[in-house]
Structures are given as C-alpha cells and as structure tokens.
C-alpha cells in the first residue's frame, strides 16, 4: 500500500509541476484521473498475484 501511495504522490506532483500556471483543461483532468486509476488497478492486480503464490 505504501508503494501505491508513493506512486500516486509522484503522479500528482508531476501533474502539478507541469500544469502550474496553465489553465487546466477537462482533458488534463481526465488524463490525471486515468493515470491514478491505472496505478490502483495495477497495484490491485499485483496484490492478487502475490496472494496466489
């Protein structure tokens, strides 16, 4: 879980740095949402794979 928190924090920090001063578009927000959801999905899949071993 700590790894997931760190990864999402990195995504949010990068997004903030790149978009700082820019007017956020709906496309940018959708992209951010998809990146975060993909990280969560990947984390859940890895967790399930570890449980099977």
PDB file of N, CA and C in Angstrom:
ATOM      1  N   UNK A   1       0.836  -1.194   0.000  1.00  0.00           N
ATOM      2  CA  UNK A   1       0.000   0.000   0.000  1.00  0.00           C
ATOM      3  C   UNK A   1       0.877   1.253   0.000  1.00  0.00           C
ATOM      4  N   UNK A   2       1.972   1.193   0.736  1.00  0.00           N
ATOM      5  CA  UNK A   2       2.883   2.335   0.806  1.00  0.00           C
ATOM      6  C   UNK A   2       3.442   2.669  -0.577  1.00  0.00           C
ATOM      7  N   UNK A   3       3.717   1.620  -1.360  1.00  0.00           N
ATOM      8  CA  UNK A   3       4.227   1.805  -2.723  1.00  0.00           C
ATOM      9  C   UNK A   3       3.194   2.528  -3.593  1.00  0.00           C
ATOM     10  N   UNK A   4       1.939   2.156  -3.449  1.00  0.00           N
ATOM     11  CA  UNK A   4       0.849   2.786  -4.205  1.00  0.00           C
ATOM     12  C   UNK A   4       0.719   4.258  -3.826  1.00  0.00           C
ATOM     13  N   UNK A   5       0.768   4.553  -2.544  1.00  0.00           N
ATOM     14  CA  UNK A   5       0.670   5.941  -2.073  1.00  0.00           C
ATOM     15  C   UNK A   5       1.811   6.774  -2.644  1.00  0.00           C
ATOM     16  N   UNK A   6       3.015   6.219  -2.634  1.00  0.00           N
ATOM     17  CA  UNK A   6       4.184   6.931  -3.160  1.00  0.00           C
ATOM     18  C   UNK A   6       4.024   7.201  -4.661  1.00  0.00           C
ATOM     19  N   UNK A   7       3.580   6.193  -5.413  1.00  0.00           N
ATOM     20  CA  UNK A   7       3.427   6.330  -6.862  1.00  0.00           C
ATOM     21  C   UNK A   7       2.374   7.382  -7.214  1.00  0.00           C
ATOM     22  N   UNK A   8       1.245   7.367  -6.521  1.00  0.00           N
ATOM     23  CA  UNK A   8       0.192   8.352  -6.788  1.00  0.00           C
ATOM     24  C   UNK A   8       0.667   9.743  -6.396  1.00  0.00           C
ATOM     25  N   UNK A   9       1.418   9.850  -5.311  1.00  0.00           N
ATOM     26  CA  UNK A   9       2.001  11.135  -4.919  1.00  0.00           C
ATOM     27  C   UNK A   9       2.916  11.678  -6.000  1.00  0.00           C
ATOM     28  N   UNK A  10       3.716  10.806  -6.601  1.00  0.00           N
ATOM     29  CA  UNK A  10       4.611  11.223  -7.685  1.00  0.00           C
ATOM     30  C   UNK A  10       3.814  11.717  -8.890  1.00  0.00           C
ATOM     31  N   UNK A  11       2.756  11.021  -9.222  1.00  0.00           N
ATOM     32  CA  UNK A  11       1.910  11.432 -10.351  1.00  0.00           C
ATOM     33  C   UNK A  11       1.310  12.807 -10.087  1.00  0.00           C
ATOM     34  N   UNK A  12       0.781  13.009  -8.888  1.00  0.00           N
ATOM     35  CA  UNK A  12       0.166  14.299  -8.550  1.00  0.00           C
ATOM     36  C   UNK A  12       1.194  15.422  -8.544  1.00  0.00           C
ATOM     37  N   UNK A  13       2.389  15.158  -8.021  1.00  0.00           N
ATOM     38  CA  UNK A  13       3.441  16.177  -8.017  1.00  0.00           C
ATOM     39  C   UNK A  13       3.858  16.549  -9.433  1.00  0.00           C
ATOM     40  N   UNK A  14       4.055  15.549 -10.281  1.00  0.00           N
ATOM     41  CA  UNK A  14       4.447  15.815 -11.666  1.00  0.00           C
ATOM     42  C   UNK A  14       3.351  16.591 -12.389  1.00  0.00           C
ATOM     43  N   UNK A  15       2.117  16.189 -12.206  1.00  0.00           N
ATOM     44  CA  UNK A  15       0.990  16.865 -12.838  1.00  0.00           C
ATOM     45  C   UNK A  15       0.937  18.328 -12.404  1.00  0.00           C
ATOM     46  N   UNK A  16       1.093  18.566 -11.105  1.00  0.00           N
ATOM     47  CA  UNK A  16       1.045  19.933 -10.575  1.00  0.00           C
ATOM     48  C   UNK A  16       2.169  20.779 -11.154  1.00  0.00           C
ATOM     49  N   UNK A  17       3.385  20.236 -11.202  1.00  0.00           N
ATOM     50  CA  UNK A  17       4.526  20.981 -11.740  1.00  0.00           C
ATOM     51  C   UNK A  17       4.329  21.315 -13.213  1.00  0.00           C
ATOM     52  N   UNK A  18       3.838  20.362 -13.975  1.00  0.00           N
ATOM     53  CA  UNK A  18       3.678  20.578 -15.413  1.00  0.00           C
ATOM     54  C   UNK A  18       2.516  21.511 -15.736  1.00  0.00           C
ATOM     55  N   UNK A  19       1.490  21.502 -14.913  1.00  0.00           N
ATOM     56  CA  UNK A  19       0.295  22.292 -15.202  1.00  0.00           C
ATOM     57  C   UNK A  19       0.237  23.605 -14.429  1.00  0.00           C
ATOM     58  N   UNK A  20       1.207  23.834 -13.552  1.00  0.00           N
ATOM     59  CA  UNK A  20       1.216  25.058 -12.762  1.00  0.00           C
ATOM     60  C   UNK A  20       1.238  26.272 -13.690  1.00  0.00           C
ATOM     61  N   UNK A  21       0.311  27.156 -13.519  1.00  0.00           N
ATOM     62  CA  UNK A  21       0.234  28.346 -14.361  1.00  0.00           C
ATOM     63  C   UNK A  21      -0.607  28.144 -15.609  1.00  0.00           C
ATOM     64  N   UNK A  22      -0.853  26.905 -15.969  1.00  0.00           N
ATOM     65  CA  UNK A  22      -1.716  26.622 -17.115  1.00  0.00           C
ATOM     66  C   UNK A  22      -3.152  26.516 -16.637  1.00  0.00           C
ATOM     67  N   UNK A  23      -4.034  26.855 -17.499  1.00  0.00           N
ATOM     68  CA  UNK A  23      -5.445  26.655 -17.183  1.00  0.00           C
ATOM     69  C   UNK A  23      -5.753  25.181 -17.416  1.00  0.00           C
ATOM     70  N   UNK A  24      -6.202  24.508 -16.385  1.00  0.00           N
ATOM     71  CA  UNK A  24      -6.447  23.074 -16.507  1.00  0.00           C
ATOM     72  C   UNK A  24      -7.635  22.808 -17.417  1.00  0.00           C
ATOM     73  N   UNK A  25      -7.416  21.939 -18.345  1.00  0.00           N
ATOM     74  CA  UNK A  25      -8.495  21.567 -19.252  1.00  0.00           C
ATOM     75  C   UNK A  25      -9.176  20.303 -18.743  1.00  0.00           C
ATOM     76  N   UNK A  26     -10.335  20.059 -19.264  1.00  0.00           N
ATOM     77  CA  UNK A  26     -11.050  18.834 -18.919  1.00  0.00           C
ATOM     78  C   UNK A  26     -10.226  17.621 -19.345  1.00  0.00           C
ATOM     79  N   UNK A  27      -9.536  17.731 -20.472  1.00  0.00           N
ATOM     80  CA  UNK A  27      -8.702  16.638 -20.962  1.00  0.00           C
ATOM     81  C   UNK A  27      -7.588  16.321 -19.968  1.00  0.00           C
ATOM     82  N   UNK A  28      -6.965  17.356 -19.413  1.00  0.00           N
ATOM     83  CA  UNK A  28      -5.888  17.151 -18.440  1.00  0.00           C
ATOM     84  C   UNK A  28      -6.415  16.451 -17.193  1.00  0.00           C
ATOM     85  N   UNK A  29      -7.575  16.844 -16.730  1.00  0.00           N
ATOM     86  CA  UNK A  29      -8.149  16.231 -15.533  1.00  0.00           C
ATOM     87  C   UNK A  29      -8.542  14.775 -15.796  1.00  0.00           C
ATOM     88  N   UNK A  30      -9.064  14.497 -16.970  1.00  0.00           N
ATOM     89  CA  UNK A  30      -9.418  13.114 -17.319  1.00  0.00           C
ATOM     90  C   UNK A  30      -8.153  12.265 -17.405  1.00  0.00           C
ATOM     91  N   UNK A  31      -7.098  12.813 -17.975  1.00  0.00           N
ATOM     92  CA  UNK A  31      -5.831  12.089 -18.067  1.00  0.00           C
ATOM     93  C   UNK A  31      -5.276  11.779 -16.686  1.00  0.00           C
ATOM     94  N   UNK A  32      -5.323  12.757 -15.791  1.00  0.00           N
ATOM     95  CA  UNK A  32      -4.854  12.556 -14.421  1.00  0.00           C
ATOM     96  C   UNK A  32      -5.666  11.453 -13.752  1.00  0.00           C
ATOM     97  N   UNK A  33      -6.969  11.511 -13.903  1.00  0.00           N
ATOM     98  CA  UNK A  33      -7.853  10.501 -13.311  1.00  0.00           C
ATOM     99  C   UNK A  33      -7.503   9.113 -13.828  1.00  0.00           C
ATOM    100  N   UNK A  34      -7.289   8.994 -15.132  1.00  0.00           N
ATOM    101  CA  UNK A  34      -6.971   7.693 -15.722  1.00  0.00           C
ATOM    102  C   UNK A  34      -5.623   7.169 -15.236  1.00  0.00           C
ATOM    103  N   UNK A  35      -4.630   8.048 -15.104  1.00  0.00           N
ATOM    104  CA  UNK A  35      -3.322   7.615 -14.605  1.00  0.00           C
ATOM    105  C   UNK A  35      -3.442   7.062 -13.194  1.00  0.00           C
ATOM    106  N   UNK A  36      -4.184   7.751 -12.345  1.00  0.00           N
ATOM    107  CA  UNK A  36      -4.347   7.309 -10.958  1.00  0.00           C
ATOM    108  C   UNK A  36      -5.119   5.991 -10.900  1.00  0.00           C
ATOM    109  N   UNK A  37      -6.201   5.893 -11.652  1.00  0.00           N
ATOM    110  CA  UNK A  37      -6.977   4.650 -11.652  1.00  0.00           C
ATOM    111  C   UNK A  37      -6.163   3.476 -12.189  1.00  0.00           C
ATOM    112  N   UNK A  38      -5.332   3.710 -13.197  1.00  0.00           N
ATOM    113  CA  UNK A  38      -4.478   2.645 -13.726  1.00  0.00           C
ATOM    114  C   UNK A  38      -3.478   2.173 -12.684  1.00  0.00           C
ATOM    115  N   UNK A  39      -2.901   3.097 -11.938  1.00  0.00           N
ATOM    116  CA  UNK A  39      -1.967   2.720 -10.876  1.00  0.00           C
ATOM    117  C   UNK A  39      -2.665   1.869  -9.822  1.00  0.00           C
ATOM    118  N   UNK A  40      -3.875   2.254  -9.450  1.00  0.00           N
ATOM    119  CA  UNK A  40      -4.629   1.492  -8.451  1.00  0.00           C
ATOM    120  C   UNK A  40      -4.958   0.103  -8.994  1.00  0.00           C
ATOM    121  N   UNK A  41      -5.398   0.028 -10.238  1.00  0.00           N
ATOM    122  CA  UNK A  41      -5.719  -1.280 -10.842  1.00  0.00           C
ATOM    123  C   UNK A  41      -4.480  -2.170 -10.898  1.00  0.00           C
ATOM    124  N   UNK A  42      -3.362  -1.602 -11.336  1.00  0.00           N
ATOM    125  CA  UNK A  42      -2.121  -2.374 -11.417  1.00  0.00           C
ATOM    126  C   UNK A  42      -1.681  -2.846 -10.044  1.00  0.00           C
ATOM    127  N   UNK A  43      -1.839  -2.012  -9.044  1.00  0.00           N
ATOM    128  CA  UNK A  43      -1.468  -2.375  -7.680  1.00  0.00           C
ATOM    129  C   UNK A  43      -2.345  -3.520  -7.180  1.00  0.00           C
ATOM    130  N   UNK A  44      -3.637  -3.445  -7.448  1.00  0.00           N
ATOM    131  CA  UNK A  44      -4.557  -4.499  -7.018  1.00  0.00           C
ATOM    132  C   UNK A  44      -4.240  -5.814  -7.717  1.00  0.00           C
ATOM    133  N   UNK A  45      -3.893  -5.770  -8.997  1.00  0.00           N
ATOM    134  CA  UNK A  45      -3.549  -6.980  -9.743  1.00  0.00           C
ATOM    135  C   UNK A  45      -2.277  -7.594  -9.172  1.00  0.00           C
ATOM    136  N   UNK A  46      -1.266  -6.774  -8.884  1.00  0.00           N
ATOM    137  CA  UNK A  46      -0.026  -7.283  -8.297  1.00  0.00           C
ATOM    138  C   UNK A  46      -0.302  -7.927  -6.950  1.00  0.00           C
ATOM    139  N   UNK A  47      -1.164  -7.322  -6.161  1.00  0.00           N
ATOM    140  CA  UNK A  47      -1.513  -7.866  -4.850  1.00  0.00           C
ATOM    141  C   UNK A  47      -2.194  -9.219  -4.967  1.00  0.00           C
ATOM    142  N   UNK A  48      -3.059  -9.371  -5.947  1.00  0.00           N
ATOM    143  CA  UNK A  48      -3.755 -10.645  -6.155  1.00  0.00           C
ATOM    144  C   UNK A  48      -2.781 -11.709  -6.634  1.00  0.00           C
ATOM    145  N   UNK A  49      -1.805 -11.324  -7.482  1.00  0.00           N
ATOM    146  CA  UNK A  49      -0.802 -12.273  -7.958  1.00  0.00           C
ATOM    147  C   UNK A  49       0.057 -12.770  -6.800  1.00  0.00           C
ATOM    148  N   UNK A  50       0.396 -11.886  -5.869  1.00  0.00           N
ATOM    149  CA  UNK A  50       1.203 -12.280  -4.712  1.00  0.00           C
ATOM    150  C   UNK A  50       0.430 -13.230  -3.817  1.00  0.00           C
ATOM    151  N   UNK A  51      -0.872 -13.015  -3.677  1.00  0.00           N
ATOM    152  CA  UNK A  51      -1.703 -13.878  -2.836  1.00  0.00           C
ATOM    153  C   UNK A  51      -1.778 -15.297  -3.397  1.00  0.00           C
ATOM    154  N   UNK A  52      -1.723 -15.429  -4.719  1.00  0.00           N
ATOM    155  CA  UNK A  52      -1.826 -16.742  -5.355  1.00  0.00           C
ATOM    156  C   UNK A  52      -0.573 -17.578  -5.142  1.00  0.00           C
ATOM    157  N   UNK A  53       0.562 -16.939  -4.922  1.00  0.00           N
ATOM    158  CA  UNK A  53       1.837 -17.670  -4.793  1.00  0.00           C
ATOM    159  C   UNK A  53       1.990 -18.327  -3.467  1.00  0.00           C
TER     160      UNK A  53
END
